[in-house]
Structures are given as C-alpha cells and as structure tokens.
Amino acid sequence: MPVYDTPVNFKGWIPESETVKLTKDNVKLVQGDVFLKEGTPIYEVDQFNEIKSATSTNLTHDVRGRIEKRQETFAYLDSPGGWSFWVEDKYLIFPKVD
C-alpha cells in the first residue's frame, strides 16, 4: 500500500479474503492509487468552500495520490510528500482493469 507522507512504501501481506476484484463496475470506487497528468488544474486549499475564491494552478508533472474525501464534482487528494489539494473528478485517472 503506498504511503504518501514518507518516501518509503511499506510492504506486507493481507488475506485475499480482505480484497475485492477490480472490475469496470467498481474501478471508480478506488481511492488510491489514482493519477493526474501534467497540466491538470488543482486548487491548493484545505477546505472545499475555499475553491471558489482560489486561483487554480496547473501541475508541472504527473502526480499519483489517494482520494481522502469528495465533495460535489471534486476530490481531495493526498500525494507524496504530504501535498494535498482539490481536483475536479473528471481529471482523475483510475487504475486499468485487466
């Protein structure tokens, strides 16, 4: 499981019975790892209600992260280094389903 506030990815085992098969029907329920492409507009504010008065900035590189919460058409992502921000759902790239 990726850990975003530290430069280390912890490894371990979990029972298969605690997992869910990833399908086209449930892939958008994934919270992490989700990806964003360079150039995606983001809002570097903590509270959702601050987005309306904030100016978006564009990502300067591709970013992966974990969805911590959602509100309306936005998701709040935690990414490596403890960087958190809001992004519109339409920009989220979910894992590929085999």
N, C-alpha and C. Protein backbone atom coordinates (compact mmCIF):
# COMPACT_ATOMS: atom_id res chain seq x y z
N MET A 1 0.85 -1.18 0.00
CA MET A 1 0.00 0.00 0.00
C MET A 1 0.88 1.23 0.00
N PRO A 2 0.70 2.13 -0.93
CA PRO A 2 1.52 3.33 -0.97
C PRO A 2 1.29 4.21 0.27
N VAL A 3 2.36 4.80 0.74
CA VAL A 3 2.29 5.75 1.86
C VAL A 3 2.79 7.08 1.31
N TYR A 4 1.95 8.11 1.35
CA TYR A 4 2.25 9.34 0.65
C TYR A 4 2.99 10.39 1.46
N ASP A 5 3.05 10.25 2.78
CA ASP A 5 3.71 11.29 3.57
C ASP A 5 5.12 10.88 3.97
N THR A 6 5.67 9.86 3.33
CA THR A 6 7.01 9.39 3.61
C THR A 6 7.60 8.85 2.30
N PRO A 7 8.90 8.89 2.16
CA PRO A 7 9.49 8.38 0.91
C PRO A 7 9.60 6.86 0.86
N VAL A 8 8.93 6.15 1.76
CA VAL A 8 9.01 4.70 1.83
C VAL A 8 7.66 4.08 1.50
N ASN A 9 7.64 3.03 0.72
CA ASN A 9 6.43 2.23 0.52
C ASN A 9 6.56 1.01 1.41
N PHE A 10 5.65 0.85 2.35
CA PHE A 10 5.69 -0.30 3.24
C PHE A 10 5.15 -1.52 2.52
N LYS A 11 5.75 -2.68 2.79
CA LYS A 11 5.32 -3.92 2.17
C LYS A 11 4.81 -4.86 3.24
N GLY A 12 3.85 -5.70 2.88
CA GLY A 12 3.32 -6.67 3.82
C GLY A 12 2.29 -7.54 3.14
N TRP A 13 1.68 -8.38 3.91
CA TRP A 13 0.68 -9.31 3.40
C TRP A 13 -0.66 -9.02 4.03
N ILE A 14 -1.73 -9.21 3.24
CA ILE A 14 -3.10 -9.15 3.76
C ILE A 14 -3.83 -10.38 3.23
N PRO A 15 -4.82 -10.87 3.95
CA PRO A 15 -5.56 -12.04 3.47
C PRO A 15 -6.31 -11.72 2.17
N GLU A 16 -6.30 -12.64 1.24
CA GLU A 16 -7.01 -12.45 -0.02
C GLU A 16 -8.49 -12.20 0.22
N SER A 17 -9.03 -12.77 1.29
CA SER A 17 -10.45 -12.58 1.60
C SER A 17 -10.78 -11.13 1.94
N GLU A 18 -9.78 -10.32 2.22
CA GLU A 18 -9.98 -8.90 2.54
C GLU A 18 -9.84 -8.00 1.30
N THR A 19 -9.73 -8.61 0.13
CA THR A 19 -9.59 -7.85 -1.11
C THR A 19 -10.86 -7.93 -1.95
N VAL A 20 -10.97 -7.04 -2.93
CA VAL A 20 -12.09 -7.03 -3.85
C VAL A 20 -11.52 -6.99 -5.26
N LYS A 21 -12.03 -7.84 -6.13
CA LYS A 21 -11.57 -7.86 -7.53
C LYS A 21 -11.91 -6.54 -8.20
N LEU A 22 -10.94 -5.96 -8.87
CA LEU A 22 -11.13 -4.71 -9.59
C LEU A 22 -11.83 -5.00 -10.92
N THR A 23 -12.97 -4.33 -11.14
CA THR A 23 -13.75 -4.51 -12.36
C THR A 23 -14.09 -3.15 -12.96
N LYS A 24 -14.62 -3.17 -14.17
CA LYS A 24 -15.06 -1.92 -14.79
C LYS A 24 -16.19 -1.27 -14.00
N ASP A 25 -16.97 -2.08 -13.28
CA ASP A 25 -18.09 -1.55 -12.50
C ASP A 25 -17.67 -0.88 -11.20
N ASN A 26 -16.53 -1.28 -10.64
CA ASN A 26 -16.14 -0.71 -9.35
C ASN A 26 -14.85 0.10 -9.37
N VAL A 27 -14.22 0.24 -10.51
CA VAL A 27 -12.91 0.91 -10.57
C VAL A 27 -12.98 2.36 -10.07
N LYS A 28 -14.09 3.03 -10.27
CA LYS A 28 -14.18 4.43 -9.83
C LYS A 28 -14.43 4.56 -8.33
N LEU A 29 -14.52 3.43 -7.63
CA LEU A 29 -14.60 3.44 -6.17
C LEU A 29 -13.20 3.40 -5.54
N VAL A 30 -12.19 3.17 -6.38
CA VAL A 30 -10.81 3.12 -5.90
C VAL A 30 -10.44 4.47 -5.31
N GLN A 31 -9.77 4.45 -4.16
CA GLN A 31 -9.33 5.70 -3.54
C GLN A 31 -7.86 5.98 -3.86
N GLY A 32 -7.06 4.99 -4.07
CA GLY A 32 -5.66 5.19 -4.40
C GLY A 32 -5.10 3.88 -4.92
N ASP A 33 -4.19 3.91 -5.73
CA ASP A 33 -3.51 4.97 -6.45
C ASP A 33 -4.37 5.49 -7.60
N VAL A 34 -4.58 6.79 -7.61
CA VAL A 34 -5.16 7.46 -8.76
C VAL A 34 -4.10 8.40 -9.29
N PHE A 35 -4.23 8.79 -10.54
CA PHE A 35 -3.20 9.58 -11.20
C PHE A 35 -3.78 10.84 -11.82
N LEU A 36 -2.92 11.84 -11.94
CA LEU A 36 -3.24 13.08 -12.64
C LEU A 36 -2.11 13.40 -13.59
N LYS A 37 -2.44 13.92 -14.75
CA LYS A 37 -1.44 14.27 -15.75
C LYS A 37 -0.92 15.69 -15.56
N GLU A 38 0.30 15.89 -16.00
CA GLU A 38 0.88 17.24 -16.03
C GLU A 38 -0.09 18.19 -16.72
N GLY A 39 -0.25 19.39 -16.17
CA GLY A 39 -1.14 20.38 -16.75
C GLY A 39 -2.53 20.40 -16.13
N THR A 40 -2.84 19.41 -15.29
CA THR A 40 -4.16 19.36 -14.64
C THR A 40 -4.32 20.53 -13.68
N PRO A 41 -5.43 21.25 -13.74
CA PRO A 41 -5.65 22.35 -12.78
C PRO A 41 -6.02 21.79 -11.40
N ILE A 42 -5.37 22.32 -10.38
CA ILE A 42 -5.64 21.91 -8.99
C ILE A 42 -5.86 23.15 -8.14
N TYR A 43 -6.44 22.93 -6.97
CA TYR A 43 -6.69 24.01 -6.01
C TYR A 43 -6.01 23.66 -4.70
N GLU A 44 -4.99 24.41 -4.35
CA GLU A 44 -4.20 24.13 -3.16
C GLU A 44 -4.79 24.84 -1.94
N VAL A 45 -5.99 24.43 -1.58
CA VAL A 45 -6.68 24.94 -0.39
C VAL A 45 -7.13 23.74 0.43
N ASP A 46 -7.31 23.95 1.72
CA ASP A 46 -7.70 22.85 2.60
C ASP A 46 -9.20 22.57 2.57
N GLN A 47 -9.99 23.60 2.54
CA GLN A 47 -11.44 23.45 2.64
C GLN A 47 -12.10 23.60 1.28
N PHE A 48 -13.09 22.77 1.02
CA PHE A 48 -13.80 22.80 -0.25
C PHE A 48 -14.38 24.18 -0.55
N ASN A 49 -14.95 24.82 0.46
CA ASN A 49 -15.59 26.13 0.23
C ASN A 49 -14.60 27.23 -0.13
N GLU A 50 -13.31 26.97 -0.04
CA GLU A 50 -12.29 27.95 -0.42
C GLU A 50 -11.97 27.93 -1.92
N ILE A 51 -12.43 26.89 -2.63
CA ILE A 51 -12.11 26.75 -4.05
C ILE A 51 -12.65 27.93 -4.85
N LYS A 52 -13.86 28.38 -4.54
CA LYS A 52 -14.48 29.46 -5.31
C LYS A 52 -13.66 30.75 -5.29
N SER A 53 -12.94 31.00 -4.22
CA SER A 53 -12.15 32.23 -4.12
C SER A 53 -10.67 31.98 -4.44
N ALA A 54 -10.30 30.74 -4.78
CA ALA A 54 -8.91 30.41 -5.07
C ALA A 54 -8.65 30.40 -6.58
N THR A 55 -7.41 30.62 -6.93
CA THR A 55 -6.97 30.51 -8.31
C THR A 55 -6.33 29.14 -8.49
N SER A 56 -6.71 28.45 -9.53
CA SER A 56 -6.11 27.13 -9.77
C SER A 56 -4.67 27.30 -10.27
N THR A 57 -3.88 26.25 -10.02
CA THR A 57 -2.55 26.15 -10.59
C THR A 57 -2.50 24.85 -11.37
N ASN A 58 -1.63 24.76 -12.36
CA ASN A 58 -1.53 23.55 -13.16
C ASN A 58 -0.35 22.71 -12.70
N LEU A 59 -0.56 21.40 -12.63
CA LEU A 59 0.52 20.51 -12.24
C LEU A 59 1.68 20.62 -13.22
N THR A 60 2.88 20.63 -12.69
CA THR A 60 4.08 20.72 -13.53
C THR A 60 4.64 19.35 -13.86
N HIS A 61 4.00 18.30 -13.33
CA HIS A 61 4.42 16.92 -13.59
C HIS A 61 3.25 15.99 -13.27
N ASP A 62 3.32 14.76 -13.74
CA ASP A 62 2.30 13.77 -13.40
C ASP A 62 2.37 13.50 -11.89
N VAL A 63 1.22 13.24 -11.28
CA VAL A 63 1.14 13.03 -9.84
C VAL A 63 0.24 11.83 -9.55
N ARG A 64 0.62 11.05 -8.55
CA ARG A 64 -0.24 9.98 -8.06
C ARG A 64 -0.70 10.37 -6.67
N GLY A 65 -1.82 9.81 -6.25
CA GLY A 65 -2.30 10.16 -4.93
C GLY A 65 -3.44 9.28 -4.47
N ARG A 66 -3.97 9.62 -3.30
CA ARG A 66 -5.07 8.89 -2.69
C ARG A 66 -6.20 9.87 -2.42
N ILE A 67 -7.41 9.49 -2.82
CA ILE A 67 -8.58 10.32 -2.56
C ILE A 67 -8.93 10.22 -1.08
N GLU A 68 -8.90 11.34 -0.40
CA GLU A 68 -9.23 11.37 1.02
C GLU A 68 -10.69 11.73 1.28
N LYS A 69 -11.25 12.56 0.40
CA LYS A 69 -12.67 12.91 0.51
C LYS A 69 -13.14 13.45 -0.83
N ARG A 70 -14.45 13.47 -0.98
CA ARG A 70 -15.09 14.00 -2.20
C ARG A 70 -16.17 14.98 -1.79
N GLN A 71 -16.37 15.97 -2.64
CA GLN A 71 -17.47 16.89 -2.44
C GLN A 71 -17.89 17.42 -3.81
N GLU A 72 -19.18 17.33 -4.07
CA GLU A 72 -19.76 17.70 -5.37
C GLU A 72 -18.96 17.02 -6.47
N THR A 73 -18.35 17.77 -7.39
CA THR A 73 -17.60 17.16 -8.51
C THR A 73 -16.09 17.23 -8.28
N PHE A 74 -15.67 17.33 -7.03
CA PHE A 74 -14.25 17.45 -6.70
C PHE A 74 -13.79 16.33 -5.78
N ALA A 75 -12.49 16.05 -5.82
CA ALA A 75 -11.86 15.10 -4.92
C ALA A 75 -10.67 15.79 -4.26
N TYR A 76 -10.44 15.45 -2.99
CA TYR A 76 -9.30 15.98 -2.24
C TYR A 76 -8.25 14.88 -2.21
N LEU A 77 -7.08 15.14 -2.80
CA LEU A 77 -6.03 14.14 -2.92
C LEU A 77 -4.89 14.41 -1.97
N ASP A 78 -4.36 13.33 -1.39
CA ASP A 78 -3.09 13.35 -0.68
C ASP A 78 -2.09 12.72 -1.62
N SER A 79 -0.96 13.39 -1.82
CA SER A 79 0.05 12.87 -2.73
C SER A 79 1.39 12.81 -1.99
N PRO A 80 2.41 12.20 -2.60
CA PRO A 80 3.70 12.07 -1.93
C PRO A 80 4.22 13.39 -1.38
N GLY A 81 4.87 13.30 -0.24
CA GLY A 81 5.43 14.48 0.41
C GLY A 81 4.44 15.23 1.27
N GLY A 82 3.24 14.67 1.45
CA GLY A 82 2.23 15.34 2.25
C GLY A 82 1.53 16.47 1.54
N TRP A 83 1.62 16.51 0.21
CA TRP A 83 1.00 17.55 -0.60
C TRP A 83 -0.47 17.19 -0.81
N SER A 84 -1.38 18.06 -0.41
CA SER A 84 -2.81 17.82 -0.57
C SER A 84 -3.46 18.95 -1.34
N PHE A 85 -4.48 18.61 -2.13
CA PHE A 85 -5.15 19.62 -2.95
C PHE A 85 -6.47 19.07 -3.47
N TRP A 86 -7.31 19.94 -3.99
CA TRP A 86 -8.58 19.58 -4.61
C TRP A 86 -8.39 19.53 -6.13
N VAL A 87 -9.10 18.62 -6.77
CA VAL A 87 -9.08 18.49 -8.23
C VAL A 87 -10.47 18.04 -8.68
N GLU A 88 -10.87 18.46 -9.86
CA GLU A 88 -12.15 18.01 -10.40
C GLU A 88 -12.08 16.52 -10.74
N ASP A 89 -13.17 15.81 -10.41
CA ASP A 89 -13.24 14.37 -10.66
C ASP A 89 -12.90 13.99 -12.10
N LYS A 90 -13.28 14.82 -13.04
CA LYS A 90 -13.10 14.47 -14.45
C LYS A 90 -11.63 14.28 -14.84
N TYR A 91 -10.70 14.77 -14.03
CA TYR A 91 -9.27 14.63 -14.34
C TYR A 91 -8.64 13.38 -13.72
N LEU A 92 -9.37 12.70 -12.83
CA LEU A 92 -8.80 11.52 -12.17
C LEU A 92 -8.61 10.37 -13.15
N ILE A 93 -7.47 9.74 -13.07
CA ILE A 93 -7.17 8.56 -13.90
C ILE A 93 -7.08 7.39 -12.93
N PHE A 94 -7.99 6.43 -13.11
CA PHE A 94 -8.06 5.28 -12.24
C PHE A 94 -7.20 4.14 -12.79
N PRO A 95 -6.86 3.16 -11.95
CA PRO A 95 -6.07 2.02 -12.43
C PRO A 95 -6.77 1.31 -13.59
N LYS A 96 -5.98 0.71 -14.45
CA LYS A 96 -6.54 -0.04 -15.58
C LYS A 96 -7.06 -1.38 -15.09
N VAL A 97 -8.19 -1.77 -15.65
CA VAL A 97 -8.79 -3.07 -15.32
C VAL A 97 -8.33 -4.06 -16.37
N ASP A 98 -7.76 -5.17 -15.92
CA ASP A 98 -7.31 -6.21 -16.86
C ASP A 98 -8.47 -7.03 -17.38
